[in-house]
């Protein structure tokens, strides 16, 4: 990082304002896992914290939950208990740049996720605009979807949530819903988004962030 005194005046002022803002923020960084954190993900997490020391970090890696939903609920409870301003959840198979949190915060949204590939060769980066209509972020030329936009729901592979939202919603916040046949009807991520929207909150996606989703290869 360049010394503050060597920056141009407007950049120096922006840096000082952002640093002062960050110094007042408490962030719970939660990495839910039941299989261990990928080495590349671990490096990204270390870089994230090391290059953003001005935040008051509370780092948790819950692994005891029988499902990922249990681990996410645990993280939300702990974030409330330690009076964090935001919960940043990052799954154990995501890779990202060290400026991830700063860029998500810059959007000034209460719930914001990112765009990333599922772990399959068959799907592009898709975001649902409502229950039946979606946008393909790989092929769209609409500039509206090149920057932060409101969406129907977002995955929780990487998501930033303002903690006061959890206090306004009834528990549990993350739940799998099932059909009578036992098949999953709704994942815990979309369940949370639906619950938040019903309470009047909006869901946002920042598609500009460089994010990878690790499988047998990077998607």
Protein backbone atom coordinates (compact mmCIF):
# COMPACT_ATOMS: atom_id res chain seq x y z
CA UNK A 1 0.00 0.00 0.00
CA UNK A 2 1.29 3.47 -0.86
CA UNK A 3 2.17 5.78 2.08
CA UNK A 4 -0.71 8.15 2.81
CA UNK A 5 1.46 11.25 2.40
CA UNK A 6 2.43 10.22 -1.15
CA UNK A 7 -1.18 10.07 -2.34
CA UNK A 8 -2.85 12.85 -4.29
CA UNK A 9 -4.94 15.11 -2.01
CA UNK A 10 -8.36 13.78 -3.09
CA UNK A 11 -7.20 10.16 -2.78
CA UNK A 12 -5.65 10.87 0.60
CA UNK A 13 -8.89 12.41 1.85
CA UNK A 14 -10.90 9.43 0.53
CA UNK A 15 -8.47 7.02 2.20
CA UNK A 16 -8.65 8.84 5.54
CA UNK A 17 -12.47 8.98 5.44
CA UNK A 18 -12.74 5.27 4.58
CA UNK A 19 -10.25 4.34 7.31
CA UNK A 20 -12.14 6.36 9.91
CA UNK A 21 -15.39 4.72 8.78
CA UNK A 22 -13.84 1.25 8.90
CA UNK A 23 -12.38 1.79 12.36
CA UNK A 24 -15.91 2.12 13.72
CA UNK A 25 -17.14 -1.13 12.16
CA UNK A 26 -17.25 -4.53 13.81
CA UNK A 27 -17.34 -7.38 11.29
CA UNK A 28 -18.10 -11.02 11.98
CA UNK A 29 -16.38 -13.07 9.29
CA UNK A 30 -18.05 -16.47 9.17
CA UNK A 31 -16.84 -19.45 7.18
CA UNK A 32 -19.42 -22.25 7.51
CA UNK A 33 -17.97 -25.66 6.68
CA UNK A 34 -18.35 -29.35 7.37
CA UNK A 35 -15.50 -30.53 5.14
CA UNK A 36 -12.62 -28.14 5.81
CA UNK A 37 -11.57 -24.91 4.12
CA UNK A 38 -9.90 -25.13 0.71
CA UNK A 39 -6.24 -23.95 0.78
CA UNK A 40 -6.86 -21.23 -1.83
CA UNK A 41 -9.88 -20.03 0.13
CA UNK A 42 -7.78 -19.95 3.32
CA UNK A 43 -5.20 -17.76 1.57
CA UNK A 44 -7.91 -15.37 0.35
CA UNK A 45 -9.30 -15.13 3.89
CA UNK A 46 -5.86 -14.41 5.32
CA UNK A 47 -5.23 -11.71 2.70
CA UNK A 48 -8.65 -10.18 3.36
CA UNK A 49 -7.99 -9.75 7.07
CA UNK A 50 -4.29 -8.83 6.75
CA UNK A 51 -4.94 -6.06 4.24
CA UNK A 52 -7.93 -4.65 6.13
CA UNK A 53 -6.63 -4.45 9.70
CA UNK A 54 -8.66 -1.36 10.53
CA UNK A 55 -11.87 -3.38 10.95
CA UNK A 56 -12.76 -4.96 14.27
CA UNK A 57 -12.79 -8.57 13.08
CA UNK A 58 -14.53 -11.49 14.79
CA UNK A 59 -13.70 -14.67 12.90
CA UNK A 60 -15.69 -17.89 13.22
CA UNK A 61 -15.47 -21.22 11.39
CA UNK A 62 -18.48 -23.27 12.53
CA UNK A 63 -18.30 -26.93 11.54
CA UNK A 64 -20.51 -28.75 14.03
CA UNK A 65 -23.88 -28.15 12.40
CA UNK A 66 -25.53 -31.14 10.77
CA UNK A 67 -26.41 -28.92 7.79
CA UNK A 68 -25.00 -25.71 6.35
CA UNK A 69 -28.21 -23.98 7.48
CA UNK A 70 -27.40 -24.76 11.13
CA UNK A 71 -23.94 -23.26 10.72
CA UNK A 72 -25.36 -20.13 9.11
CA UNK A 73 -27.86 -19.67 11.93
CA UNK A 74 -25.04 -20.08 14.44
CA UNK A 75 -23.04 -17.35 12.70
CA UNK A 76 -26.00 -14.97 12.75
CA UNK A 77 -26.53 -15.55 16.47
CA UNK A 78 -22.87 -14.97 17.25
CA UNK A 79 -22.79 -11.81 15.15
CA UNK A 80 -25.71 -10.46 17.16
CA UNK A 81 -24.18 -11.54 20.46
CA UNK A 82 -20.87 -9.80 19.77
CA UNK A 83 -22.72 -6.70 18.53
CA UNK A 84 -21.23 -6.77 15.05
CA UNK A 85 -22.36 -4.27 12.47
CA UNK A 86 -22.17 -6.75 9.61
CA UNK A 87 -21.94 -10.49 9.04
CA UNK A 88 -19.74 -11.43 6.09
CA UNK A 89 -20.30 -15.07 5.19
CA UNK A 90 -17.83 -16.75 2.86
CA UNK A 91 -18.13 -20.44 2.01
CA UNK A 92 -15.17 -22.79 2.27
CA UNK A 93 -14.75 -23.06 -1.52
CA UNK A 94 -14.73 -19.42 -2.65
CA UNK A 95 -11.80 -17.34 -3.94
CA UNK A 96 -11.83 -13.55 -4.11
CA UNK A 97 -9.77 -10.36 -3.98
CA UNK A 98 -8.63 -8.68 -0.71
CA UNK A 99 -10.79 -5.62 -1.40
CA UNK A 100 -13.97 -7.72 -1.30
CA UNK A 101 -15.39 -6.27 1.92
CA UNK A 102 -14.54 -2.66 1.07
CA UNK A 103 -16.30 -2.94 -2.28
CA UNK A 104 -19.37 -4.62 -0.82
CA UNK A 105 -19.63 -1.97 1.89
CA UNK A 106 -19.26 0.79 -0.70
CA UNK A 107 -22.64 -0.27 -2.13
CA UNK A 108 -24.33 0.75 1.15
CA UNK A 109 -26.85 -2.10 1.01
CA UNK A 110 -28.29 -4.10 3.90
CA UNK A 111 -28.11 -7.42 2.04
CA UNK A 112 -25.73 -7.85 -0.87
CA UNK A 113 -24.19 -10.84 -2.59
CA UNK A 114 -21.98 -11.45 -5.60
CA UNK A 115 -22.24 -13.37 -8.87
CA UNK A 116 -20.44 -16.67 -9.22
CA UNK A 117 -20.66 -19.93 -11.15
CA UNK A 118 -22.22 -23.04 -9.68
CA UNK A 119 -19.76 -25.95 -9.53
CA UNK A 120 -20.79 -27.28 -12.95
CA UNK A 121 -19.87 -26.76 -16.60
CA UNK A 122 -23.54 -26.60 -17.57
CA UNK A 123 -24.58 -23.26 -16.04
CA UNK A 124 -23.64 -19.61 -16.52
CA UNK A 125 -23.85 -16.86 -13.92
CA UNK A 126 -27.60 -16.43 -13.54
CA UNK A 127 -29.55 -14.08 -11.30
CA UNK A 128 -33.30 -14.27 -10.83
CA UNK A 129 -35.14 -10.96 -11.12
CA UNK A 130 -38.35 -12.53 -9.81
CA UNK A 131 -39.59 -16.09 -9.31
CA UNK A 132 -39.68 -16.90 -13.02
CA UNK A 133 -37.45 -14.40 -14.87
CA UNK A 134 -33.66 -14.43 -14.73
CA UNK A 135 -30.74 -12.63 -16.34
CA UNK A 136 -27.68 -14.37 -17.76
CA UNK A 137 -24.81 -12.19 -16.58
CA UNK A 138 -22.43 -13.88 -19.04
CA UNK A 139 -24.34 -12.83 -22.14
CA UNK A 140 -26.36 -9.74 -21.28
CA UNK A 141 -25.33 -6.45 -22.85
CA UNK A 142 -27.64 -4.39 -20.64
CA UNK A 143 -25.42 -1.98 -18.67
CA UNK A 144 -27.90 -2.15 -15.78
CA UNK A 145 -26.58 -5.60 -14.93
CA UNK A 146 -22.90 -4.67 -15.10
CA UNK A 147 -23.13 -2.78 -11.81
CA UNK A 148 -24.99 -3.43 -8.55
CA UNK A 149 -28.64 -4.30 -9.13
CA UNK A 150 -31.65 -5.51 -7.16
CA UNK A 151 -32.47 -9.20 -7.56
CA UNK A 152 -34.97 -11.78 -6.36
CA UNK A 153 -32.43 -13.72 -4.30
CA UNK A 154 -28.70 -14.28 -4.02
CA UNK A 155 -26.55 -17.21 -3.05
CA UNK A 156 -24.78 -17.15 0.30
CA UNK A 157 -21.41 -18.34 -1.00
CA UNK A 158 -20.37 -14.75 -0.37
CA UNK A 159 -22.89 -12.41 1.23
CA UNK A 160 -22.75 -9.31 3.42
CA UNK A 161 -25.68 -8.77 5.78
CA UNK A 162 -26.29 -5.89 8.15
CA UNK A 163 -26.73 -7.54 11.54
CA UNK A 164 -29.70 -5.47 12.66
CA UNK A 165 -31.74 -7.37 10.07
CA UNK A 166 -31.44 -10.57 12.10
CA UNK A 167 -32.88 -8.79 15.12
CA UNK A 168 -35.91 -7.78 13.05
CA UNK A 169 -36.65 -11.25 11.69
CA UNK A 170 -37.90 -14.28 13.58
CA UNK A 171 -35.63 -17.29 13.94
CA UNK A 172 -34.55 -19.47 12.27
CA UNK A 173 -33.14 -17.30 9.49
CA UNK A 174 -31.74 -20.12 7.34
CA UNK A 175 -33.84 -23.22 6.64
CA UNK A 176 -34.17 -25.86 3.93
CA UNK A 177 -37.72 -26.36 2.70
CA UNK A 178 -38.72 -29.78 1.32
CA UNK A 179 -41.37 -31.30 -0.91
CA UNK A 180 -43.41 -34.18 0.49
CA UNK A 181 -41.13 -36.51 -1.48
CA UNK A 182 -38.14 -35.35 0.58
CA UNK A 183 -36.52 -33.40 -2.26
CA UNK A 184 -35.29 -29.92 -1.52
CA UNK A 185 -37.80 -27.27 -2.54
CA UNK A 186 -35.89 -24.19 -1.37
CA UNK A 187 -32.29 -23.79 -0.26
CA UNK A 188 -31.34 -22.00 2.94
CA UNK A 189 -30.02 -19.03 0.95
CA UNK A 190 -33.25 -18.38 -0.95
CA UNK A 191 -35.24 -19.02 2.23
CA UNK A 192 -33.37 -16.19 3.97
CA UNK A 193 -33.84 -13.87 0.99
CA UNK A 194 -37.58 -14.62 0.83
CA UNK A 195 -37.94 -14.01 4.56
CA UNK A 196 -36.06 -10.72 4.37
CA UNK A 197 -38.07 -9.54 1.36
CA UNK A 198 -41.34 -10.38 3.12
CA UNK A 199 -40.19 -8.09 5.93
CA UNK A 200 -39.58 -5.26 3.47
CA UNK A 201 -35.85 -5.59 2.77
CA UNK A 202 -34.31 -5.69 -0.69
CA UNK A 203 -31.70 -8.09 -2.06
CA UNK A 204 -28.78 -6.86 -4.17
CA UNK A 205 -25.96 -8.30 -6.25
CA UNK A 206 -22.65 -6.72 -7.17
CA UNK A 207 -21.59 -8.54 -10.37
CA UNK A 208 -18.38 -6.55 -10.78
CA UNK A 209 -16.40 -8.43 -8.13
CA UNK A 210 -13.93 -11.07 -9.29
CA UNK A 211 -15.00 -14.27 -7.54
CA UNK A 212 -14.21 -17.94 -8.16
CA UNK A 213 -16.05 -21.06 -7.01
CA UNK A 214 -13.78 -24.05 -6.47
CA UNK A 215 -14.75 -27.56 -7.46
CA UNK A 216 -12.47 -30.09 -9.08
CA UNK A 217 -11.50 -26.99 -11.04
CA UNK A 218 -12.34 -23.30 -10.80
CA UNK A 219 -15.73 -22.40 -12.31
